[in-house]
Amino acid sequence: MQNEDGTLNIKFNAESDIIKWEVRSRHLNQKTYKCYIQYSPNSNDISGITGYCCTCANGNRTVGCCSHVAAIIYHLTHGRYLSRIYRPAESLTNLFDHNEDILSVVL
């Protein structure tokens, strides 16, 4: 889960090839999902991920993975190298100046 200062907590055992990550639900405040990703060390392609599982309702799909596992893989492979990860609607929010008064137009 992401801390208040923007850092992330990853739990892993150096003797094992499984990463455990807790993801907070965006819909239920107190709900967290546990995601497990098994990987092959020193691998640079998709075959490096040998297994995954999540405790969410869609976590054990037979084809593909849930959004929690996909987000973790994205973060570990690409997102952590970015200087900043933008929120999905952040660019839309910046289009409007919230300090201006809203003018009502009467037709």
PDB file of N, CA and C in Angstrom:
ATOM      1  N   MET A   1       0.839  -1.176   0.000  1.00  0.00           N
ATOM      2  CA  MET A   1       0.000   0.000   0.000  1.00  0.00           C
ATOM      3  C   MET A   1       0.884   1.239   0.000  1.00  0.00           C
ATOM      4  N   GLN A   2       0.346   2.324  -0.532  1.00  0.00           N
ATOM      5  CA  GLN A   2       1.104   3.561  -0.606  1.00  0.00           C
ATOM      6  C   GLN A   2       0.975   4.314   0.713  1.00  0.00           C
ATOM      7  N   ASN A   3       2.109   4.769   1.225  1.00  0.00           N
ATOM      8  CA  ASN A   3       2.127   5.535   2.462  1.00  0.00           C
ATOM      9  C   ASN A   3       1.770   6.982   2.170  1.00  0.00           C
ATOM     10  N   GLU A   4       1.604   7.779   3.225  1.00  0.00           N
ATOM     11  CA  GLU A   4       1.262   9.193   3.065  1.00  0.00           C
ATOM     12  C   GLU A   4       2.337   9.962   2.307  1.00  0.00           C
ATOM     13  N   ASP A   5       3.588   9.565   2.436  1.00  0.00           N
ATOM     14  CA  ASP A   5       4.676  10.267   1.756  1.00  0.00           C
ATOM     15  C   ASP A   5       4.910   9.765   0.334  1.00  0.00           C
ATOM     16  N   GLY A   6       4.071   8.854  -0.151  1.00  0.00           N
ATOM     17  CA  GLY A   6       4.171   8.378  -1.522  1.00  0.00           C
ATOM     18  C   GLY A   6       5.017   7.137  -1.703  1.00  0.00           C
ATOM     19  N   THR A   7       5.615   6.619  -0.638  1.00  0.00           N
ATOM     20  CA  THR A   7       6.413   5.408  -0.757  1.00  0.00           C
ATOM     21  C   THR A   7       5.515   4.183  -0.719  1.00  0.00           C
ATOM     22  N   LEU A   8       6.016   3.078  -1.240  1.00  0.00           N
ATOM     23  CA  LEU A   8       5.249   1.837  -1.303  1.00  0.00           C
ATOM     24  C   LEU A   8       5.926   0.762  -0.473  1.00  0.00           C
ATOM     25  N   ASN A   9       5.130  -0.092   0.142  1.00  0.00           N
ATOM     26  CA  ASN A   9       5.654  -1.207   0.927  1.00  0.00           C
ATOM     27  C   ASN A   9       5.537  -2.492   0.134  1.00  0.00           C
ATOM     28  N   ILE A  10       6.653  -3.153  -0.070  1.00  0.00           N
ATOM     29  CA  ILE A  10       6.680  -4.444  -0.740  1.00  0.00           C
ATOM     30  C   ILE A  10       7.261  -5.436   0.246  1.00  0.00           C
ATOM     31  N   LYS A  11       6.590  -6.569   0.416  1.00  0.00           N
ATOM     32  CA  LYS A  11       7.100  -7.608   1.302  1.00  0.00           C
ATOM     33  C   LYS A  11       7.585  -8.767   0.448  1.00  0.00           C
ATOM     34  N   PHE A  12       8.822  -9.156   0.653  1.00  0.00           N
ATOM     35  CA  PHE A  12       9.342 -10.309  -0.063  1.00  0.00           C
ATOM     36  C   PHE A  12      10.399 -10.985   0.786  1.00  0.00           C
ATOM     37  N   ASN A  13      10.595 -12.242   0.504  1.00  0.00           N
ATOM     38  CA  ASN A  13      11.582 -13.046   1.199  1.00  0.00           C
ATOM     39  C   ASN A  13      12.740 -13.274   0.233  1.00  0.00           C
ATOM     40  N   ALA A  14      13.930 -12.926   0.621  1.00  0.00           N
ATOM     41  CA  ALA A  14      15.093 -13.047  -0.263  1.00  0.00           C
ATOM     42  C   ALA A  14      15.360 -14.499  -0.659  1.00  0.00           C
ATOM     43  N   GLU A  15      14.914 -15.456   0.143  1.00  0.00           N
ATOM     44  CA  GLU A  15      15.136 -16.861  -0.175  1.00  0.00           C
ATOM     45  C   GLU A  15      14.039 -17.439  -1.058  1.00  0.00           C
ATOM     46  N   SER A  16      12.989 -16.677  -1.267  1.00  0.00           N
ATOM     47  CA  SER A  16      11.863 -17.138  -2.061  1.00  0.00           C
ATOM     48  C   SER A  16      11.751 -16.301  -3.331  1.00  0.00           C
ATOM     49  N   ASP A  17      10.987 -16.778  -4.280  1.00  0.00           N
ATOM     50  CA  ASP A  17      10.797 -16.029  -5.520  1.00  0.00           C
ATOM     51  C   ASP A  17       9.369 -15.503  -5.625  1.00  0.00           C
ATOM     52  N   ILE A  18       8.756 -15.193  -4.467  1.00  0.00           N
ATOM     53  CA  ILE A  18       7.388 -14.700  -4.429  1.00  0.00           C
ATOM     54  C   ILE A  18       7.357 -13.328  -3.760  1.00  0.00           C
ATOM     55  N   ILE A  19       6.678 -12.378  -4.407  1.00  0.00           N
ATOM     56  CA  ILE A  19       6.476 -11.046  -3.858  1.00  0.00           C
ATOM     57  C   ILE A  19       5.050 -10.976  -3.326  1.00  0.00           C
ATOM     58  N   LYS A  20       4.881 -10.427  -2.125  1.00  0.00           N
ATOM     59  CA  LYS A  20       3.553 -10.224  -1.545  1.00  0.00           C
ATOM     60  C   LYS A  20       3.315  -8.724  -1.469  1.00  0.00           C
ATOM     61  N   TRP A  21       2.161  -8.287  -1.960  1.00  0.00           N
ATOM     62  CA  TRP A  21       1.842  -6.873  -1.970  1.00  0.00           C
ATOM     63  C   TRP A  21       0.397  -6.711  -1.534  1.00  0.00           C
ATOM     64  N   GLU A  22       0.131  -5.756  -0.653  1.00  0.00           N
ATOM     65  CA  GLU A  22      -1.236  -5.475  -0.225  1.00  0.00           C
ATOM     66  C   GLU A  22      -1.742  -4.248  -0.970  1.00  0.00           C
ATOM     67  N   VAL A  23      -2.920  -4.376  -1.561  1.00  0.00           N
ATOM     68  CA  VAL A  23      -3.521  -3.302  -2.334  1.00  0.00           C
ATOM     69  C   VAL A  23      -4.826  -2.906  -1.667  1.00  0.00           C
ATOM     70  N   ARG A  24      -4.977  -1.629  -1.398  1.00  0.00           N
ATOM     71  CA  ARG A  24      -6.201  -1.128  -0.782  1.00  0.00           C
ATOM     72  C   ARG A  24      -7.289  -0.975  -1.837  1.00  0.00           C
ATOM     73  N   SER A  25      -8.489  -1.366  -1.496  1.00  0.00           N
ATOM     74  CA  SER A  25      -9.614  -1.277  -2.416  1.00  0.00           C
ATOM     75  C   SER A  25      -9.984   0.183  -2.654  1.00  0.00           C
ATOM     76  N   ARG A  26     -10.354   0.512  -3.890  1.00  0.00           N
ATOM     77  CA  ARG A  26     -10.804   1.864  -4.193  1.00  0.00           C
ATOM     78  C   ARG A  26     -12.283   2.029  -3.892  1.00  0.00           C
ATOM     79  N   HIS A  27     -12.994   0.922  -3.646  1.00  0.00           N
ATOM     80  CA  HIS A  27     -14.437   0.983  -3.445  1.00  0.00           C
ATOM     81  C   HIS A  27     -14.850   0.788  -1.992  1.00  0.00           C
ATOM     82  N   LEU A  28     -14.156  -0.053  -1.276  1.00  0.00           N
ATOM     83  CA  LEU A  28     -14.458  -0.311   0.128  1.00  0.00           C
ATOM     84  C   LEU A  28     -13.295   0.179   0.973  1.00  0.00           C
ATOM     85  N   ASN A  29     -13.572   1.046   1.940  1.00  0.00           N
ATOM     86  CA  ASN A  29     -12.505   1.697   2.699  1.00  0.00           C
ATOM     87  C   ASN A  29     -11.625   0.739   3.483  1.00  0.00           C
ATOM     88  N   GLN A  30     -12.203  -0.229   4.143  1.00  0.00           N
ATOM     89  CA  GLN A  30     -11.437  -1.094   5.023  1.00  0.00           C
ATOM     90  C   GLN A  30     -10.928  -2.360   4.345  1.00  0.00           C
ATOM     91  N   LYS A  31     -11.190  -2.536   3.064  1.00  0.00           N
ATOM     92  CA  LYS A  31     -10.841  -3.773   2.369  1.00  0.00           C
ATOM     93  C   LYS A  31      -9.453  -3.662   1.744  1.00  0.00           C
ATOM     94  N   THR A  32      -8.626  -4.663   1.974  1.00  0.00           N
ATOM     95  CA  THR A  32      -7.333  -4.755   1.298  1.00  0.00           C
ATOM     96  C   THR A  32      -7.227  -6.139   0.664  1.00  0.00           C
ATOM     97  N   TYR A  33      -6.586  -6.181  -0.477  1.00  0.00           N
ATOM     98  CA  TYR A  33      -6.380  -7.439  -1.188  1.00  0.00           C
ATOM     99  C   TYR A  33      -4.908  -7.811  -1.106  1.00  0.00           C
ATOM    100  N   LYS A  34      -4.655  -9.078  -0.956  1.00  0.00           N
ATOM    101  CA  LYS A  34      -3.274  -9.569  -0.927  1.00  0.00           C
ATOM    102  C   LYS A  34      -2.951 -10.158  -2.295  1.00  0.00           C
ATOM    103  N   CYS A  35      -1.906  -9.649  -2.906  1.00  0.00           N
ATOM    104  CA  CYS A  35      -1.474 -10.123  -4.221  1.00  0.00           C
ATOM    105  C   CYS A  35      -0.129 -10.822  -4.072  1.00  0.00           C
ATOM    106  N   TYR A  36       0.005 -11.920  -4.766  1.00  0.00           N
ATOM    107  CA  TYR A  36       1.247 -12.690  -4.758  1.00  0.00           C
ATOM    108  C   TYR A  36       1.699 -12.858  -6.201  1.00  0.00           C
ATOM    109  N   ILE A  37       2.967 -12.565  -6.449  1.00  0.00           N
ATOM    110  CA  ILE A  37       3.529 -12.721  -7.791  1.00  0.00           C
ATOM    111  C   ILE A  37       4.784 -13.569  -7.671  1.00  0.00           C
ATOM    112  N   GLN A  38       4.811 -14.667  -8.396  1.00  0.00           N
ATOM    113  CA  GLN A  38       5.989 -15.534  -8.435  1.00  0.00           C
ATOM    114  C   GLN A  38       6.779 -15.179  -9.680  1.00  0.00           C
ATOM    115  N   TYR A  39       8.070 -15.020  -9.543  1.00  0.00           N
ATOM    116  CA  TYR A  39       8.900 -14.579 -10.655  1.00  0.00           C
ATOM    117  C   TYR A  39      10.168 -15.406 -10.759  1.00  0.00           C
ATOM    118  N   SER A  40      10.791 -15.320 -11.907  1.00  0.00           N
ATOM    119  CA  SER A  40      12.071 -15.967 -12.134  1.00  0.00           C
ATOM    120  C   SER A  40      13.153 -14.887 -12.083  1.00  0.00           C
ATOM    121  N   PRO A  41      14.068 -14.950 -11.118  1.00  0.00           N
ATOM    122  CA  PRO A  41      15.097 -13.921 -11.004  1.00  0.00           C
ATOM    123  C   PRO A  41      15.947 -13.804 -12.271  1.00  0.00           C
ATOM    124  N   ASN A  42      16.428 -12.598 -12.514  1.00  0.00           N
ATOM    125  CA  ASN A  42      17.321 -12.293 -13.640  1.00  0.00           C
ATOM    126  C   ASN A  42      16.672 -12.570 -14.996  1.00  0.00           C
ATOM    127  N   SER A  43      15.391 -12.328 -15.095  1.00  0.00           N
ATOM    128  CA  SER A  43      14.680 -12.484 -16.353  1.00  0.00           C
ATOM    129  C   SER A  43      14.180 -11.116 -16.796  1.00  0.00           C
ATOM    130  N   ASN A  44      14.244 -10.837 -18.094  1.00  0.00           N
ATOM    131  CA  ASN A  44      13.886  -9.518 -18.595  1.00  0.00           C
ATOM    132  C   ASN A  44      12.674  -9.514 -19.519  1.00  0.00           C
ATOM    133  N   ASP A  45      11.901 -10.569 -19.551  1.00  0.00           N
ATOM    134  CA  ASP A  45      10.750 -10.577 -20.432  1.00  0.00           C
ATOM    135  C   ASP A  45       9.551 -11.173 -19.709  1.00  0.00           C
ATOM    136  N   ILE A  46       8.471 -11.362 -20.428  1.00  0.00           N
ATOM    137  CA  ILE A  46       7.222 -11.813 -19.834  1.00  0.00           C
ATOM    138  C   ILE A  46       7.331 -13.219 -19.228  1.00  0.00           C
ATOM    139  N   SER A  47       8.243 -14.005 -19.706  1.00  0.00           N
ATOM    140  CA  SER A  47       8.403 -15.348 -19.152  1.00  0.00           C
ATOM    141  C   SER A  47       8.985 -15.321 -17.741  1.00  0.00           C
ATOM    142  N   GLY A  48       9.420 -14.159 -17.281  1.00  0.00           N
ATOM    143  CA  GLY A  48       9.945 -14.026 -15.929  1.00  0.00           C
ATOM    144  C   GLY A  48       8.871 -14.121 -14.859  1.00  0.00           C
ATOM    145  N   ILE A  49       7.613 -13.897 -15.229  1.00  0.00           N
ATOM    146  CA  ILE A  49       6.502 -14.020 -14.291  1.00  0.00           C
ATOM    147  C   ILE A  49       5.937 -15.423 -14.443  1.00  0.00           C
ATOM    148  N   THR A  50       6.151 -16.238 -13.428  1.00  0.00           N
ATOM    149  CA  THR A  50       5.762 -17.639 -13.528  1.00  0.00           C
ATOM    150  C   THR A  50       4.413 -17.930 -12.900  1.00  0.00           C
ATOM    151  N   GLY A  51       3.895 -17.022 -12.080  1.00  0.00           N
ATOM    152  CA  GLY A  51       2.594 -17.230 -11.469  1.00  0.00           C
ATOM    153  C   GLY A  51       2.146 -16.005 -10.701  1.00  0.00           C
ATOM    154  N   TYR A  52       0.851 -15.901 -10.491  1.00  0.00           N
ATOM    155  CA  TYR A  52       0.303 -14.786  -9.722  1.00  0.00           C
ATOM    156  C   TYR A  52      -1.051 -15.189  -9.163  1.00  0.00           C
ATOM    157  N   CYS A  53      -1.455 -14.466  -8.123  1.00  0.00           N
ATOM    158  CA  CYS A  53      -2.738 -14.740  -7.488  1.00  0.00           C
ATOM    159  C   CYS A  53      -3.109 -13.515  -6.666  1.00  0.00           C
ATOM    160  N   CYS A  54      -4.400 -13.262  -6.528  1.00  0.00           N
ATOM    161  CA  CYS A  54      -4.896 -12.126  -5.750  1.00  0.00           C
ATOM    162  C   CYS A  54      -6.135 -12.596  -4.994  1.00  0.00           C
ATOM    163  N   THR A  55      -6.393 -12.012  -3.828  1.00  0.00           N
ATOM    164  CA  THR A  55      -7.543 -12.409  -3.027  1.00  0.00           C
ATOM    165  C   THR A  55      -8.824 -11.695  -3.431  1.00  0.00           C
ATOM    166  N   CYS A  56      -8.801 -10.869  -4.478  1.00  0.00           N
ATOM    167  CA  CYS A  56     -10.030 -10.211  -4.939  1.00  0.00           C
ATOM    168  C   CYS A  56     -10.902 -11.219  -5.686  1.00  0.00           C
ATOM    169  N   ALA A  57     -12.119 -10.817  -6.021  1.00  0.00           N
ATOM    170  CA  ALA A  57     -13.067 -11.726  -6.671  1.00  0.00           C
ATOM    171  C   ALA A  57     -12.572 -12.205  -8.031  1.00  0.00           C
ATOM    172  N   ASN A  58     -11.812 -11.389  -8.739  1.00  0.00           N
ATOM    173  CA  ASN A  58     -11.301 -11.765 -10.061  1.00  0.00           C
ATOM    174  C   ASN A  58      -9.852 -12.223 -10.028  1.00  0.00           C
ATOM    175  N   GLY A  59      -9.312 -12.428  -8.854  1.00  0.00           N
ATOM    176  CA  GLY A  59      -7.893 -12.693  -8.701  1.00  0.00           C
ATOM    177  C   GLY A  59      -7.361 -13.981  -9.271  1.00  0.00           C
ATOM    178  N   ASN A  60      -8.181 -14.990  -9.386  1.00  0.00           N
ATOM    179  CA  ASN A  60      -7.701 -16.284  -9.882  1.00  0.00           C
ATOM    180  C   ASN A  60      -8.345 -16.626 -11.220  1.00  0.00           C
ATOM    181  N   ARG A  61      -8.292 -15.712 -12.127  1.00  0.00           N
ATOM    182  CA  ARG A  61      -8.842 -15.953 -13.464  1.00  0.00           C
ATOM    183  C   ARG A  61      -8.020 -16.996 -14.194  1.00  0.00           C
ATOM    184  N   THR A  62      -8.650 -17.647 -15.134  1.00  0.00           N
ATOM    185  CA  THR A  62      -7.916 -18.640 -15.912  1.00  0.00           C
ATOM    186  C   THR A  62      -7.182 -17.995 -17.082  1.00  0.00           C
ATOM    187  N   VAL A  63      -7.690 -16.858 -17.572  1.00  0.00           N
ATOM    188  CA  VAL A  63      -7.037 -16.133 -18.662  1.00  0.00           C
ATOM    189  C   VAL A  63      -6.798 -14.712 -18.186  1.00  0.00           C
ATOM    190  N   GLY A  64      -5.572 -14.247 -18.243  1.00  0.00           N
ATOM    191  CA  GLY A  64      -5.266 -12.892 -17.813  1.00  0.00           C
ATOM    192  C   GLY A  64      -5.153 -12.786 -16.307  1.00  0.00           C
ATOM    193  N   CYS A  65      -5.094 -11.552 -15.831  1.00  0.00           N
ATOM    194  CA  CYS A  65      -4.965 -11.311 -14.398  1.00  0.00           C
ATOM    195  C   CYS A  65      -5.891 -10.170 -14.001  1.00  0.00           C
ATOM    196  N   CYS A  66      -6.049  -9.955 -12.714  1.00  0.00           N
ATOM    197  CA  CYS A  66      -6.881  -8.857 -12.229  1.00  0.00           C
ATOM    198  C   CYS A  66      -6.097  -7.545 -12.333  1.00  0.00           C
ATOM    199  N   SER A  67      -6.799  -6.448 -12.129  1.00  0.00           N
ATOM    200  CA  SER A  67      -6.165  -5.133 -12.248  1.00  0.00           C
ATOM    201  C   SER A  67      -5.131  -4.901 -11.154  1.00  0.00           C
ATOM    202  N   HIS A  68      -5.273  -5.528 -10.003  1.00  0.00           N
ATOM    203  CA  HIS A  68      -4.306  -5.349  -8.918  1.00  0.00           C
ATOM    204  C   HIS A  68      -2.947  -5.921  -9.306  1.00  0.00           C
ATOM    205  N   VAL A  69      -2.950  -7.126  -9.846  1.00  0.00           N
ATOM    206  CA  VAL A  69      -1.696  -7.763 -10.266  1.00  0.00           C
ATOM    207  C   VAL A  69      -1.087  -6.981 -11.430  1.00  0.00           C
ATOM    208  N   ALA A  70      -1.925  -6.540 -12.369  1.00  0.00           N
ATOM    209  CA  ALA A  70      -1.430  -5.763 -13.506  1.00  0.00           C
ATOM    210  C   ALA A  70      -0.793  -4.455 -13.038  1.00  0.00           C
ATOM    211  N   ALA A  71      -1.390  -3.803 -12.050  1.00  0.00           N
ATOM    212  CA  ALA A  71      -0.839  -2.546 -11.532  1.00  0.00           C
ATOM    213  C   ALA A  71       0.505  -2.771 -10.844  1.00  0.00           C
ATOM    214  N   ILE A  72       0.636  -3.864 -10.123  1.00  0.00           N
ATOM    215  CA  ILE A  72       1.907  -4.166  -9.450  1.00  0.00           C
ATOM    216  C   ILE A  72       2.997  -4.440 -10.480  1.00  0.00           C
ATOM    217  N   ILE A  73       2.671  -5.228 -11.481  1.00  0.00           N
ATOM    218  CA  ILE A  73       3.664  -5.529 -12.524  1.00  0.00           C
ATOM    219  C   ILE A  73       4.064  -4.259 -13.259  1.00  0.00           C
ATOM    220  N   TYR A  74       3.076  -3.389 -13.556  1.00  0.00           N
ATOM    221  CA  TYR A  74       3.382  -2.108 -14.206  1.00  0.00           C
ATOM    222  C   TYR A  74       4.323  -1.280 -13.342  1.00  0.00           C
ATOM    223  N   HIS A  75       4.015  -1.199 -12.047  1.00  0.00           N
ATOM    224  CA  HIS A  75       4.842  -0.382 -11.163  1.00  0.00           C
ATOM    225  C   HIS A  75       6.268  -0.922 -11.059  1.00  0.00           C
ATOM    226  N   LEU A  76       6.401  -2.229 -10.890  1.00  0.00           N
ATOM    227  CA  LEU A  76       7.737  -2.802 -10.714  1.00  0.00           C
ATOM    228  C   LEU A  76       8.565  -2.777 -11.993  1.00  0.00           C
ATOM    229  N   THR A  77       7.925  -2.817 -13.160  1.00  0.00           N
ATOM    230  CA  THR A  77       8.678  -2.873 -14.411  1.00  0.00           C
ATOM    231  C   THR A  77       8.867  -1.519 -15.074  1.00  0.00           C
ATOM    232  N   HIS A  78       7.943  -0.577 -14.841  1.00  0.00           N
ATOM    233  CA  HIS A  78       8.030   0.706 -15.542  1.00  0.00           C
ATOM    234  C   HIS A  78       7.805   1.907 -14.619  1.00  0.00           C
ATOM    235  N   GLY A  79       6.753   1.874 -13.836  1.00  0.00           N
ATOM    236  CA  GLY A  79       6.334   3.019 -13.053  1.00  0.00           C
ATOM    237  C   GLY A  79       7.360   3.518 -12.046  1.00  0.00           C
ATOM    238  N   ARG A  80       8.120   2.637 -11.465  1.00  0.00           N
ATOM    239  CA  ARG A  80       9.082   3.079 -10.445  1.00  0.00           C
ATOM    240  C   ARG A  80      10.252   3.855 -11.026  1.00  0.00           C
ATOM    241  N   TYR A  81      10.448   3.791 -12.323  1.00  0.00           N
ATOM    242  CA  TYR A  81      11.527   4.535 -12.962  1.00  0.00           C
ATOM    243  C   TYR A  81      11.089   5.926 -13.410  1.00  0.00           C
ATOM    244  N   LEU A  82       9.795   6.229 -13.320  1.00  0.00           N
ATOM    245  CA  LEU A  82       9.294   7.543 -13.684  1.00  0.00           C
ATOM    246  C   LEU A  82       9.519   8.517 -12.541  1.00  0.00           C
ATOM    247  N   SER A  83       9.716   9.778 -12.865  1.00  0.00           N
ATOM    248  CA  SER A  83       9.903  10.759 -11.807  1.00  0.00           C
ATOM    249  C   SER A  83       8.598  11.025 -11.064  1.00  0.00           C
ATOM    250  N   ARG A  84       7.479  10.844 -11.767  1.00  0.00           N
ATOM    251  CA  ARG A  84       6.174  11.055 -11.154  1.00  0.00           C
ATOM    252  C   ARG A  84       5.134  10.249 -11.921  1.00  0.00           C
ATOM    253  N   ILE A  85       4.213   9.627 -11.204  1.00  0.00           N
ATOM    254  CA  ILE A  85       3.115   8.907 -11.828  1.00  0.00           C
ATOM    255  C   ILE A  85       1.880   9.780 -11.695  1.00  0.00           C
ATOM    256  N   TYR A  86       1.296  10.137 -12.807  1.00  0.00           N
ATOM    257  CA  TYR A  86       0.133  11.012 -12.807  1.00  0.00           C
ATOM    258  C   TYR A  86      -1.133  10.203 -12.564  1.00  0.00           C
ATOM    259  N   ARG A  87      -2.047  10.786 -11.831  1.00  0.00           N
ATOM    260  CA  ARG A  87      -3.351  10.158 -11.605  1.00  0.00           C
ATOM    261  C   ARG A  87      -4.158  10.270 -12.894  1.00  0.00           C
ATOM    262  N   PRO A  88      -5.070   9.340 -13.150  1.00  0.00           N
ATOM    263  CA  PRO A  88      -5.773   9.307 -14.437  1.00  0.00           C
ATOM    264  C   PRO A  88      -6.464  10.605 -14.836  1.00  0.00           C
ATOM    265  N   ALA A  89      -7.137  11.290 -13.935  1.00  0.00           N
ATOM    266  CA  ALA A  89      -7.885  12.495 -14.302  1.00  0.00           C
ATOM    267  C   ALA A  89      -7.161  13.780 -13.921  1.00  0.00           C
ATOM    268  N   GLU A  90      -5.900  13.685 -13.565  1.00  0.00           N
ATOM    269  CA  GLU A  90      -5.174  14.862 -13.113  1.00  0.00           C
ATOM    270  C   GLU A  90      -5.041  15.914 -14.207  1.00  0.00           C
ATOM    271  N   SER A  91      -4.839  15.502 -15.433  1.00  0.00           N
ATOM    272  CA  SER A  91      -4.704  16.475 -16.517  1.00  0.00           C
ATOM    273  C   SER A  91      -6.020  17.211 -16.759  1.00  0.00           C
ATOM    274  N   LEU A  92      -7.151  16.535 -16.544  1.00  0.00           N
ATOM    275  CA  LEU A  92      -8.446  17.194 -16.713  1.00  0.00           C
ATOM    276  C   LEU A  92      -8.708  18.198 -15.595  1.00  0.00           C
ATOM    277  N   THR A  93      -8.282  17.885 -14.398  1.00  0.00           N
ATOM    278  CA  THR A  93      -8.471  18.785 -13.264  1.00  0.00           C
ATOM    279  C   THR A  93      -7.695  20.076 -13.460  1.00  0.00           C
ATOM    280  N   ASN A  94      -6.524  19.997 -14.058  1.00  0.00           N
ATOM    281  CA  ASN A  94      -5.690  21.182 -14.246  1.00  0.00           C
ATOM    282  C   ASN A  94      -6.195  22.104 -15.342  1.00  0.00           C
ATOM    283  N   LEU A  95      -7.180  21.687 -16.117  1.00  0.00           N
ATOM    284  CA  LEU A  95      -7.730  22.542 -17.165  1.00  0.00           C
ATOM    285  C   LEU A  95      -8.517  23.714 -16.602  1.00  0.00           C
ATOM    286  N   PHE A  96      -9.062  23.549 -15.419  1.00  0.00           N
ATOM    287  CA  PHE A  96      -9.923  24.561 -14.829  1.00  0.00           C
ATOM    288  C   PHE A  96      -9.256  25.159 -13.608  1.00  0.00           C
ATOM    289  N   ASP A  97      -9.399  26.481 -13.466  1.00  0.00           N
ATOM    290  CA  ASP A  97      -8.891  27.165 -12.289  1.00  0.00           C
ATOM    291  C   ASP A  97     -10.011  27.182 -11.256  1.00  0.00           C
ATOM    292  N   HIS A  98      -9.821  26.499 -10.159  1.00  0.00           N
ATOM    293  CA  HIS A  98     -10.869  26.369  -9.152  1.00  0.00           C
ATOM    294  C   HIS A  98     -11.032  27.623  -8.308  1.00  0.00           C
ATOM    295  N   ASN A  99     -10.144  28.576  -8.442  1.00  0.00           N
ATOM    296  CA  ASN A  99     -10.235  29.799  -7.655  1.00  0.00           C
ATOM    297  C   ASN A  99     -11.163  30.829  -8.289  1.00  0.00           C
ATOM    298  N   GLU A 100     -11.461  30.681  -9.563  1.00  0.00           N
ATOM    299  CA  GLU A 100     -12.327  31.635 -10.235  1.00  0.00           C
ATOM    300  C   GLU A 100     -13.783  31.388  -9.853  1.00  0.00           C
ATOM    301  N   ASP A 101     -14.541  32.474  -9.803  1.00  0.00           N
ATOM    302  CA  ASP A 101     -15.966  32.340  -9.546  1.00  0.00           C
ATOM    303  C   ASP A 101     -16.660  31.831 -10.803  1.00  0.00           C
ATOM    304  N   ILE A 102     -17.668  31.052 -10.599  1.00  0.00           N
ATOM    305  CA  ILE A 102     -18.434  30.536 -11.728  1.00  0.00           C
ATOM    306  C   ILE A 102     -19.509  31.565 -12.080  1.00  0.00           C
ATOM    307  N   LEU A 103     -19.515  32.010 -13.316  1.00  0.00           N
ATOM    308  CA  LEU A 103     -20.475  33.002 -13.756  1.00  0.00           C
ATOM    309  C   LEU A 103     -21.716  32.289 -14.271  1.00  0.00           C
ATOM    310  N   SER A 104     -22.860  32.772 -13.868  1.00  0.00           N
ATOM    311  CA  SER A 104     -24.098  32.168 -14.386  1.00  0.00           C
ATOM    312  C   SER A 104     -24.581  33.023 -15.540  1.00  0.00           C
ATOM    313  N   VAL A 105     -24.968  32.359 -16.576  1.00  0.00           N
ATOM    314  CA  VAL A 105     -25.422  33.036 -17.776  1.00  0.00           C
ATOM    315  C   VAL A 105     -26.928  32.843 -17.870  1.00  0.00           C
ATOM    316  N   VAL A 106     -27.631  33.954 -18.029  1.00  0.00           N
ATOM    317  CA  VAL A 106     -29.085  33.900 -18.158  1.00  0.00           C
ATOM    318  C   VAL A 106     -29.412  34.148 -19.615  1.00  0.00           C
ATOM    319  N   LEU A 107     -30.150  33.240 -20.240  1.00  0.00           N
ATOM    320  CA  LEU A 107     -30.544  33.406 -21.634  1.00  0.00           C
ATOM    321  C   LEU A 107     -31.939  33.926 -21.740  1.00  0.00           C
TER     322      LEU A 107
END
